[in-house]
Structure formats: C-alpha cells, structure tokens
Amino acid sequence: MDIAEKVDAARPLPEDADAIDKLKYKLCREILIFKESKGVTLDELAEKLEIGKTDVSKIINYHIDRYTNDKLYRLALKLIPNFELGAKA
C-alpha cells in the first residue's frame, strides 16, 4: 500500500462537490501526501510553505473552503516544484 492509499481525509469530499472543490481537495491531498511520505512535522511543513502551523493544519485536514485553488497550487509548488495538475482536454 502506498502513501496515497494510506492518507485518509479528515473531511471527506461531498458526493455533489463541484470541479473547484475537487481541485482544492486534490491539492490538499498532495500536500498531505508530501508530509507523510517525507516524514516532516507540522512545524517543518509550515516552514517549507512559509505559512503558520494553523494554516498547515487546516490544509492537511481538508478545510477547502478556506483557500483558493491558486493559493493551494502555489503551496504545492513550494513542496513539489515539478507538480502539474492533470488537465483533461
């Protein structure tokens, strides 16, 4: 079982979620997967992302209503510089 299968969402995505919320959810998941796969603490992740621990906690607990897609994407890029969102044509 890989890390992506092990990390459970603290706040599951509603079945009727729109595309915007699905993208936010995916970005939060990528940040959480990074944290778990690298074994970094909340403090270390906050330092890497240059945000407070409270914000990191909200992100990794899928409080998607608090952040925009562009903010979450910029944060993901700080951790995974070559991170790309899969786009369907």
PDB file of N, CA and C in Angstrom:
ATOM      1  N   MET A   1       0.854  -1.184   0.000  1.00  0.00           N
ATOM      2  CA  MET A   1       0.000   0.000   0.000  1.00  0.00           C
ATOM      3  C   MET A   1       0.893   1.239   0.000  1.00  0.00           C
ATOM      4  N   ASP A   2       0.636   2.177  -0.921  1.00  0.00           N
ATOM      5  CA  ASP A   2       1.454   3.379  -0.965  1.00  0.00           C
ATOM      6  C   ASP A   2       0.856   4.478  -0.089  1.00  0.00           C
ATOM      7  N   ILE A   3       1.601   5.571   0.049  1.00  0.00           N
ATOM      8  CA  ILE A   3       1.191   6.675   0.915  1.00  0.00           C
ATOM      9  C   ILE A   3      -0.175   7.220   0.511  1.00  0.00           C
ATOM     10  N   ALA A   4      -0.418   7.366  -0.781  1.00  0.00           N
ATOM     11  CA  ALA A   4      -1.687   7.926  -1.257  1.00  0.00           C
ATOM     12  C   ALA A   4      -2.877   7.107  -0.781  1.00  0.00           C
ATOM     13  N   GLU A   5      -2.707   5.814  -0.650  1.00  0.00           N
ATOM     14  CA  GLU A   5      -3.795   4.951  -0.191  1.00  0.00           C
ATOM     15  C   GLU A   5      -3.941   5.000   1.324  1.00  0.00           C
ATOM     16  N   LYS A   6      -2.874   5.373   2.036  1.00  0.00           N
ATOM     17  CA  LYS A   6      -2.893   5.376   3.497  1.00  0.00           C
ATOM     18  C   LYS A   6      -3.493   6.644   4.089  1.00  0.00           C
ATOM     19  N   VAL A   7      -3.370   7.767   3.381  1.00  0.00           N
ATOM     20  CA  VAL A   7      -3.847   9.018   3.961  1.00  0.00           C
ATOM     21  C   VAL A   7      -5.347   9.152   3.769  1.00  0.00           C
ATOM     22  N   ASP A   8      -6.039   9.183   4.879  1.00  0.00           N
ATOM     23  CA  ASP A   8      -7.488   9.343   4.854  1.00  0.00           C
ATOM     24  C   ASP A   8      -7.825  10.805   5.074  1.00  0.00           C
ATOM     25  N   ALA A   9      -8.817  11.268   4.400  1.00  0.00           N
ATOM     26  CA  ALA A   9      -9.248  12.651   4.552  1.00  0.00           C
ATOM     27  C   ALA A   9      -9.981  12.839   5.867  1.00  0.00           C
ATOM     28  N   ALA A  10      -9.604  13.872   6.573  1.00  0.00           N
ATOM     29  CA  ALA A  10     -10.299  14.200   7.810  1.00  0.00           C
ATOM     30  C   ALA A  10     -11.708  14.695   7.500  1.00  0.00           C
ATOM     31  N   ARG A  11     -11.858  15.310   6.346  1.00  0.00           N
ATOM     32  CA  ARG A  11     -13.157  15.809   5.894  1.00  0.00           C
ATOM     33  C   ARG A  11     -13.390  15.275   4.490  1.00  0.00           C
ATOM     34  N   PRO A  12     -14.163  14.232   4.359  1.00  0.00           N
ATOM     35  CA  PRO A  12     -14.405  13.661   3.032  1.00  0.00           C
ATOM     36  C   PRO A  12     -15.047  14.669   2.086  1.00  0.00           C
ATOM     37  N   LEU A  13     -14.735  14.531   0.826  1.00  0.00           N
ATOM     38  CA  LEU A  13     -15.308  15.384  -0.210  1.00  0.00           C
ATOM     39  C   LEU A  13     -16.762  14.982  -0.419  1.00  0.00           C
ATOM     40  N   PRO A  14     -17.679  15.946  -0.390  1.00  0.00           N
ATOM     41  CA  PRO A  14     -19.084  15.605  -0.617  1.00  0.00           C
ATOM     42  C   PRO A  14     -19.296  15.011  -2.007  1.00  0.00           C
ATOM     43  N   GLU A  15     -20.242  14.130  -2.134  1.00  0.00           N
ATOM     44  CA  GLU A  15     -20.519  13.490  -3.422  1.00  0.00           C
ATOM     45  C   GLU A  15     -20.921  14.498  -4.486  1.00  0.00           C
ATOM     46  N   ASP A  16     -21.548  15.590  -4.082  1.00  0.00           N
ATOM     47  CA  ASP A  16     -22.008  16.593  -5.045  1.00  0.00           C
ATOM     48  C   ASP A  16     -21.019  17.748  -5.225  1.00  0.00           C
ATOM     49  N   ALA A  17     -19.759  17.527  -4.863  1.00  0.00           N
ATOM     50  CA  ALA A  17     -18.743  18.582  -4.971  1.00  0.00           C
ATOM     51  C   ALA A  17     -18.566  19.012  -6.421  1.00  0.00           C
ATOM     52  N   ASP A  18     -18.354  20.319  -6.601  1.00  0.00           N
ATOM     53  CA  ASP A  18     -18.125  20.823  -7.948  1.00  0.00           C
ATOM     54  C   ASP A  18     -16.642  20.689  -8.318  1.00  0.00           C
ATOM     55  N   ALA A  19     -16.302  21.045  -9.541  1.00  0.00           N
ATOM     56  CA  ALA A  19     -14.937  20.886 -10.042  1.00  0.00           C
ATOM     57  C   ALA A  19     -13.933  21.705  -9.239  1.00  0.00           C
ATOM     58  N   ILE A  20     -14.329  22.876  -8.786  1.00  0.00           N
ATOM     59  CA  ILE A  20     -13.441  23.737  -7.997  1.00  0.00           C
ATOM     60  C   ILE A  20     -13.074  23.052  -6.684  1.00  0.00           C
ATOM     61  N   ASP A  21     -14.074  22.534  -5.989  1.00  0.00           N
ATOM     62  CA  ASP A  21     -13.808  21.861  -4.719  1.00  0.00           C
ATOM     63  C   ASP A  21     -13.013  20.576  -4.920  1.00  0.00           C
ATOM     64  N   LYS A  22     -13.253  19.874  -6.002  1.00  0.00           N
ATOM     65  CA  LYS A  22     -12.478  18.660  -6.285  1.00  0.00           C
ATOM     66  C   LYS A  22     -11.009  18.997  -6.493  1.00  0.00           C
ATOM     67  N   LEU A  23     -10.739  20.107  -7.160  1.00  0.00           N
ATOM     68  CA  LEU A  23      -9.360  20.527  -7.371  1.00  0.00           C
ATOM     69  C   LEU A  23      -8.708  20.931  -6.057  1.00  0.00           C
ATOM     70  N   LYS A  24      -9.411  21.674  -5.233  1.00  0.00           N
ATOM     71  CA  LYS A  24      -8.885  22.061  -3.924  1.00  0.00           C
ATOM     72  C   LYS A  24      -8.572  20.822  -3.092  1.00  0.00           C
ATOM     73  N   TYR A  25      -9.459  19.877  -3.134  1.00  0.00           N
ATOM     74  CA  TYR A  25      -9.291  18.630  -2.394  1.00  0.00           C
ATOM     75  C   TYR A  25      -8.026  17.895  -2.860  1.00  0.00           C
ATOM     76  N   LYS A  26      -7.853  17.838  -4.172  1.00  0.00           N
ATOM     77  CA  LYS A  26      -6.674  17.168  -4.733  1.00  0.00           C
ATOM     78  C   LYS A  26      -5.388  17.864  -4.292  1.00  0.00           C
ATOM     79  N   LEU A  27      -5.396  19.181  -4.282  1.00  0.00           N
ATOM     80  CA  LEU A  27      -4.209  19.924  -3.874  1.00  0.00           C
ATOM     81  C   LEU A  27      -3.905  19.713  -2.391  1.00  0.00           C
ATOM     82  N   CYS A  28      -4.920  19.722  -1.557  1.00  0.00           N
ATOM     83  CA  CYS A  28      -4.712  19.434  -0.127  1.00  0.00           C
ATOM     84  C   CYS A  28      -4.145  18.032   0.053  1.00  0.00           C
ATOM     85  N   ARG A  29      -4.669  17.098  -0.706  1.00  0.00           N
ATOM     86  CA  ARG A  29      -4.206  15.704  -0.636  1.00  0.00           C
ATOM     87  C   ARG A  29      -2.730  15.592  -1.026  1.00  0.00           C
ATOM     88  N   GLU A  30      -2.328  16.303  -2.060  1.00  0.00           N
ATOM     89  CA  GLU A  30      -0.923  16.274  -2.488  1.00  0.00           C
ATOM     90  C   GLU A  30      -0.006  16.820  -1.395  1.00  0.00           C
ATOM     91  N   ILE A  31      -0.446  17.873  -0.728  1.00  0.00           N
ATOM     92  CA  ILE A  31       0.356  18.436   0.363  1.00  0.00           C
ATOM     93  C   ILE A  31       0.438  17.447   1.519  1.00  0.00           C
ATOM     94  N   LEU A  32      -0.668  16.800   1.844  1.00  0.00           N
ATOM     95  CA  LEU A  32      -0.664  15.793   2.906  1.00  0.00           C
ATOM     96  C   LEU A  32       0.208  14.594   2.523  1.00  0.00           C
ATOM     97  N   ILE A  33       0.127  14.150   1.295  1.00  0.00           N
ATOM     98  CA  ILE A  33       0.958  13.037   0.840  1.00  0.00           C
ATOM     99  C   ILE A  33       2.435  13.401   0.956  1.00  0.00           C
ATOM    100  N   PHE A  34       2.790  14.630   0.588  1.00  0.00           N
ATOM    101  CA  PHE A  34       4.172  15.081   0.739  1.00  0.00           C
ATOM    102  C   PHE A  34       4.601  14.986   2.197  1.00  0.00           C
ATOM    103  N   LYS A  35       3.765  15.515   3.093  1.00  0.00           N
ATOM    104  CA  LYS A  35       4.090  15.492   4.524  1.00  0.00           C
ATOM    105  C   LYS A  35       4.330  14.075   5.014  1.00  0.00           C
ATOM    106  N   GLU A  36       3.416  13.184   4.680  1.00  0.00           N
ATOM    107  CA  GLU A  36       3.519  11.804   5.156  1.00  0.00           C
ATOM    108  C   GLU A  36       4.687  11.053   4.510  1.00  0.00           C
ATOM    109  N   SER A  37       4.890  11.244   3.232  1.00  0.00           N
ATOM    110  CA  SER A  37       5.947  10.495   2.534  1.00  0.00           C
ATOM    111  C   SER A  37       7.342  10.957   2.939  1.00  0.00           C
ATOM    112  N   LYS A  38       7.478  12.224   3.288  1.00  0.00           N
ATOM    113  CA  LYS A  38       8.784  12.760   3.700  1.00  0.00           C
ATOM    114  C   LYS A  38       8.982  12.694   5.205  1.00  0.00           C
ATOM    115  N   GLY A  39       7.912  12.400   5.930  1.00  0.00           N
ATOM    116  CA  GLY A  39       8.014  12.305   7.386  1.00  0.00           C
ATOM    117  C   GLY A  39       8.301  13.640   8.062  1.00  0.00           C
ATOM    118  N   VAL A  40       7.803  14.725   7.490  1.00  0.00           N
ATOM    119  CA  VAL A  40       8.048  16.035   8.081  1.00  0.00           C
ATOM    120  C   VAL A  40       6.973  16.359   9.115  1.00  0.00           C
ATOM    121  N   THR A  41       7.362  17.146  10.094  1.00  0.00           N
ATOM    122  CA  THR A  41       6.437  17.557  11.137  1.00  0.00           C
ATOM    123  C   THR A  41       5.600  18.734  10.643  1.00  0.00           C
ATOM    124  N   LEU A  42       4.593  19.063  11.409  1.00  0.00           N
ATOM    125  CA  LEU A  42       3.755  20.219  11.105  1.00  0.00           C
ATOM    126  C   LEU A  42       4.600  21.492  11.084  1.00  0.00           C
ATOM    127  N   ASP A  43       5.508  21.615  12.050  1.00  0.00           N
ATOM    128  CA  ASP A  43       6.401  22.778  12.107  1.00  0.00           C
ATOM    129  C   ASP A  43       7.277  22.860  10.861  1.00  0.00           C
ATOM    130  N   GLU A  44       7.847  21.740  10.470  1.00  0.00           N
ATOM    131  CA  GLU A  44       8.718  21.722   9.290  1.00  0.00           C
ATOM    132  C   GLU A  44       7.942  22.064   8.026  1.00  0.00           C
ATOM    133  N   LEU A  45       6.724  21.536   7.925  1.00  0.00           N
ATOM    134  CA  LEU A  45       5.905  21.819   6.752  1.00  0.00           C
ATOM    135  C   LEU A  45       5.517  23.297   6.714  1.00  0.00           C
ATOM    136  N   ALA A  46       5.183  23.858   7.854  1.00  0.00           N
ATOM    137  CA  ALA A  46       4.851  25.283   7.926  1.00  0.00           C
ATOM    138  C   ALA A  46       6.043  26.129   7.479  1.00  0.00           C
ATOM    139  N   GLU A  47       7.226  25.729   7.884  1.00  0.00           N
ATOM    140  CA  GLU A  47       8.433  26.458   7.485  1.00  0.00           C
ATOM    141  C   GLU A  47       8.661  26.355   5.979  1.00  0.00           C
ATOM    142  N   LYS A  48       8.521  25.169   5.434  1.00  0.00           N
ATOM    143  CA  LYS A  48       8.699  24.978   3.987  1.00  0.00           C
ATOM    144  C   LYS A  48       7.682  25.779   3.181  1.00  0.00           C
ATOM    145  N   LEU A  49       6.455  25.840   3.679  1.00  0.00           N
ATOM    146  CA  LEU A  49       5.390  26.540   2.965  1.00  0.00           C
ATOM    147  C   LEU A  49       5.355  28.038   3.267  1.00  0.00           C
ATOM    148  N   GLU A  50       6.096  28.438   4.311  1.00  0.00           N
ATOM    149  CA  GLU A  50       6.147  29.837   4.737  1.00  0.00           C
ATOM    150  C   GLU A  50       4.768  30.346   5.160  1.00  0.00           C
ATOM    151  N   ILE A  51       4.069  29.490   5.898  1.00  0.00           N
ATOM    152  CA  ILE A  51       2.763  29.849   6.461  1.00  0.00           C
ATOM    153  C   ILE A  51       2.719  29.332   7.899  1.00  0.00           C
ATOM    154  N   GLY A  52       1.716  29.737   8.634  1.00  0.00           N
ATOM    155  CA  GLY A  52       1.584  29.308  10.025  1.00  0.00           C
ATOM    156  C   GLY A  52       1.134  27.858  10.159  1.00  0.00           C
ATOM    157  N   LYS A  53       1.424  27.290  11.327  1.00  0.00           N
ATOM    158  CA  LYS A  53       1.018  25.903  11.608  1.00  0.00           C
ATOM    159  C   LYS A  53      -0.487  25.722  11.543  1.00  0.00           C
ATOM    160  N   THR A  54      -1.238  26.730  11.965  1.00  0.00           N
ATOM    161  CA  THR A  54      -2.697  26.635  11.926  1.00  0.00           C
ATOM    162  C   THR A  54      -3.172  26.464  10.488  1.00  0.00           C
ATOM    163  N   ASP A  55      -2.587  27.236   9.566  1.00  0.00           N
ATOM    164  CA  ASP A  55      -2.956  27.107   8.155  1.00  0.00           C
ATOM    165  C   ASP A  55      -2.583  25.737   7.610  1.00  0.00           C
ATOM    166  N   VAL A  56      -1.408  25.247   7.974  1.00  0.00           N
ATOM    167  CA  VAL A  56      -0.991  23.915   7.515  1.00  0.00           C
ATOM    168  C   VAL A  56      -1.978  22.868   8.019  1.00  0.00           C
ATOM    169  N   SER A  57      -2.357  22.970   9.273  1.00  0.00           N
ATOM    170  CA  SER A  57      -3.303  22.020   9.845  1.00  0.00           C
ATOM    171  C   SER A  57      -4.626  22.047   9.096  1.00  0.00           C
ATOM    172  N   LYS A  58      -5.104  23.231   8.777  1.00  0.00           N
ATOM    173  CA  LYS A  58      -6.368  23.347   8.037  1.00  0.00           C
ATOM    174  C   LYS A  58      -6.248  22.724   6.646  1.00  0.00           C
ATOM    175  N   ILE A  59      -5.113  22.930   6.004  1.00  0.00           N
ATOM    176  CA  ILE A  59      -4.911  22.376   4.657  1.00  0.00           C
ATOM    177  C   ILE A  59      -4.863  20.854   4.694  1.00  0.00           C
ATOM    178  N   ILE A  60      -4.084  20.298   5.593  1.00  0.00           N
ATOM    179  CA  ILE A  60      -3.953  18.837   5.611  1.00  0.00           C
ATOM    180  C   ILE A  60      -5.179  18.147   6.195  1.00  0.00           C
ATOM    181  N   ASN A  61      -6.089  18.948   6.759  1.00  0.00           N
ATOM    182  CA  ASN A  61      -7.366  18.406   7.233  1.00  0.00           C
ATOM    183  C   ASN A  61      -8.515  18.784   6.303  1.00  0.00           C
ATOM    184  N   TYR A  62      -8.148  19.196   5.095  1.00  0.00           N
ATOM    185  CA  TYR A  62      -9.101  19.418   4.000  1.00  0.00           C
ATOM    186  C   TYR A  62     -10.160  20.487   4.275  1.00  0.00           C
ATOM    187  N   HIS A  63      -9.759  21.575   4.881  1.00  0.00           N
ATOM    188  CA  HIS A  63     -10.673  22.709   5.052  1.00  0.00           C
ATOM    189  C   HIS A  63     -10.626  23.523   3.755  1.00  0.00           C
ATOM    190  N   ILE A  64     -11.154  22.944   2.702  1.00  0.00           N
ATOM    191  CA  ILE A  64     -11.015  23.512   1.361  1.00  0.00           C
ATOM    192  C   ILE A  64     -11.752  24.831   1.188  1.00  0.00           C
ATOM    193  N   ASP A  65     -12.713  25.105   2.037  1.00  0.00           N
ATOM    194  CA  ASP A  65     -13.471  26.346   1.924  1.00  0.00           C
ATOM    195  C   ASP A  65     -12.655  27.567   2.327  1.00  0.00           C
ATOM    196  N   ARG A  66     -11.513  27.372   2.939  1.00  0.00           N
ATOM    197  CA  ARG A  66     -10.700  28.480   3.436  1.00  0.00           C
ATOM    198  C   ARG A  66      -9.645  28.969   2.448  1.00  0.00           C
ATOM    199  N   TYR A  67      -9.439  28.259   1.356  1.00  0.00           N
ATOM    200  CA  TYR A  67      -8.348  28.578   0.444  1.00  0.00           C
ATOM    201  C   TYR A  67      -8.813  28.567  -1.003  1.00  0.00           C
ATOM    202  N   THR A  68      -8.123  29.343  -1.815  1.00  0.00           N
ATOM    203  CA  THR A  68      -8.405  29.357  -3.248  1.00  0.00           C
ATOM    204  C   THR A  68      -7.535  28.315  -3.936  1.00  0.00           C
ATOM    205  N   ASN A  69      -7.928  27.949  -5.136  1.00  0.00           N
ATOM    206  CA  ASN A  69      -7.128  26.992  -5.905  1.00  0.00           C
ATOM    207  C   ASN A  69      -5.729  27.522  -6.161  1.00  0.00           C
ATOM    208  N   ASP A  70      -5.621  28.803  -6.519  1.00  0.00           N
ATOM    209  CA  ASP A  70      -4.294  29.331  -6.833  1.00  0.00           C
ATOM    210  C   ASP A  70      -3.381  29.341  -5.612  1.00  0.00           C
ATOM    211  N   LYS A  71      -3.925  29.624  -4.433  1.00  0.00           N
ATOM    212  CA  LYS A  71      -3.123  29.592  -3.206  1.00  0.00           C
ATOM    213  C   LYS A  71      -2.636  28.167  -2.928  1.00  0.00           C
ATOM    214  N   LEU A  72      -3.530  27.202  -3.011  1.00  0.00           N
ATOM    215  CA  LEU A  72      -3.149  25.813  -2.757  1.00  0.00           C
ATOM    216  C   LEU A  72      -2.150  25.316  -3.799  1.00  0.00           C
ATOM    217  N   TYR A  73      -2.326  25.732  -5.037  1.00  0.00           N
ATOM    218  CA  TYR A  73      -1.402  25.312  -6.097  1.00  0.00           C
ATOM    219  C   TYR A  73      -0.007  25.897  -5.856  1.00  0.00           C
ATOM    220  N   ARG A  74       0.053  27.169  -5.484  1.00  0.00           N
ATOM    221  CA  ARG A  74       1.359  27.778  -5.197  1.00  0.00           C
ATOM    222  C   ARG A  74       2.038  27.078  -4.022  1.00  0.00           C
ATOM    223  N   LEU A  75       1.266  26.690  -3.024  1.00  0.00           N
ATOM    224  CA  LEU A  75       1.847  25.973  -1.891  1.00  0.00           C
ATOM    225  C   LEU A  75       2.363  24.604  -2.320  1.00  0.00           C
ATOM    226  N   ALA A  76       1.592  23.901  -3.127  1.00  0.00           N
ATOM    227  CA  ALA A  76       2.035  22.591  -3.615  1.00  0.00           C
ATOM    228  C   ALA A  76       3.330  22.717  -4.407  1.00  0.00           C
ATOM    229  N   LEU A  77       3.457  23.785  -5.189  1.00  0.00           N
ATOM    230  CA  LEU A  77       4.680  24.001  -5.976  1.00  0.00           C
ATOM    231  C   LEU A  77       5.897  24.255  -5.100  1.00  0.00           C
ATOM    232  N   LYS A  78       5.695  24.810  -3.910  1.00  0.00           N
ATOM    233  CA  LYS A  78       6.819  25.011  -2.989  1.00  0.00           C
ATOM    234  C   LYS A  78       7.379  23.674  -2.526  1.00  0.00           C
ATOM    235  N   LEU A  79       6.515  22.685  -2.431  1.00  0.00           N
ATOM    236  CA  LEU A  79       6.944  21.362  -1.966  1.00  0.00           C
ATOM    237  C   LEU A  79       7.387  20.474  -3.114  1.00  0.00           C
ATOM    238  N   ILE A  80       6.675  20.578  -4.213  1.00  0.00           N
ATOM    239  CA  ILE A  80       6.915  19.714  -5.367  1.00  0.00           C
ATOM    240  C   ILE A  80       7.060  20.637  -6.591  1.00  0.00           C
ATOM    241  N   PRO A  81       8.287  21.137  -6.835  1.00  0.00           N
ATOM    242  CA  PRO A  81       8.483  22.140  -7.883  1.00  0.00           C
ATOM    243  C   PRO A  81       7.991  21.714  -9.276  1.00  0.00           C
ATOM    244  N   ASN A  82       8.004  20.449  -9.568  1.00  0.00           N
ATOM    245  CA  ASN A  82       7.566  19.974 -10.888  1.00  0.00           C
ATOM    246  C   ASN A  82       6.118  19.478 -10.870  1.00  0.00           C
ATOM    247  N   PHE A  83       5.366  19.832  -9.830  1.00  0.00           N
ATOM    248  CA  PHE A  83       3.988  19.403  -9.700  1.00  0.00           C
ATOM    249  C   PHE A  83       3.137  19.973 -10.835  1.00  0.00           C
ATOM    250  N   GLU A  84       2.371  19.118 -11.462  1.00  0.00           N
ATOM    251  CA  GLU A  84       1.480  19.566 -12.529  1.00  0.00           C
ATOM    252  C   GLU A  84       0.096  18.981 -12.276  1.00  0.00           C
ATOM    253  N   LEU A  85      -0.881  19.787 -12.570  1.00  0.00           N
ATOM    254  CA  LEU A  85      -2.253  19.315 -12.480  1.00  0.00           C
ATOM    255  C   LEU A  85      -2.612  18.634 -13.781  1.00  0.00           C
ATOM    256  N   GLY A  86      -3.205  17.472 -13.697  1.00  0.00           N
ATOM    257  CA  GLY A  86      -3.643  16.790 -14.900  1.00  0.00           C
ATOM    258  C   GLY A  86      -4.861  17.500 -15.469  1.00  0.00           C
ATOM    259  N   ALA A  87      -4.778  17.890 -16.710  1.00  0.00           N
ATOM    260  CA  ALA A  87      -5.900  18.586 -17.348  1.00  0.00           C
ATOM    261  C   ALA A  87      -6.498  17.679 -18.413  1.00  0.00           C
ATOM    262  N   LYS A  88      -7.803  17.610 -18.423  1.00  0.00           N
ATOM    263  CA  LYS A  88      -8.493  16.824 -19.449  1.00  0.00           C
ATOM    264  C   LYS A  88      -8.841  17.764 -20.599  1.00  0.00           C
ATOM    265  N   ALA A  89      -8.552  17.322 -21.788  1.00  0.00           N
ATOM    266  CA  ALA A  89      -8.857  18.161 -22.955  1.00  0.00           C
ATOM    267  C   ALA A  89     -10.263  17.911 -23.434  1.00  0.00           C
TER     268      ALA A  89
END
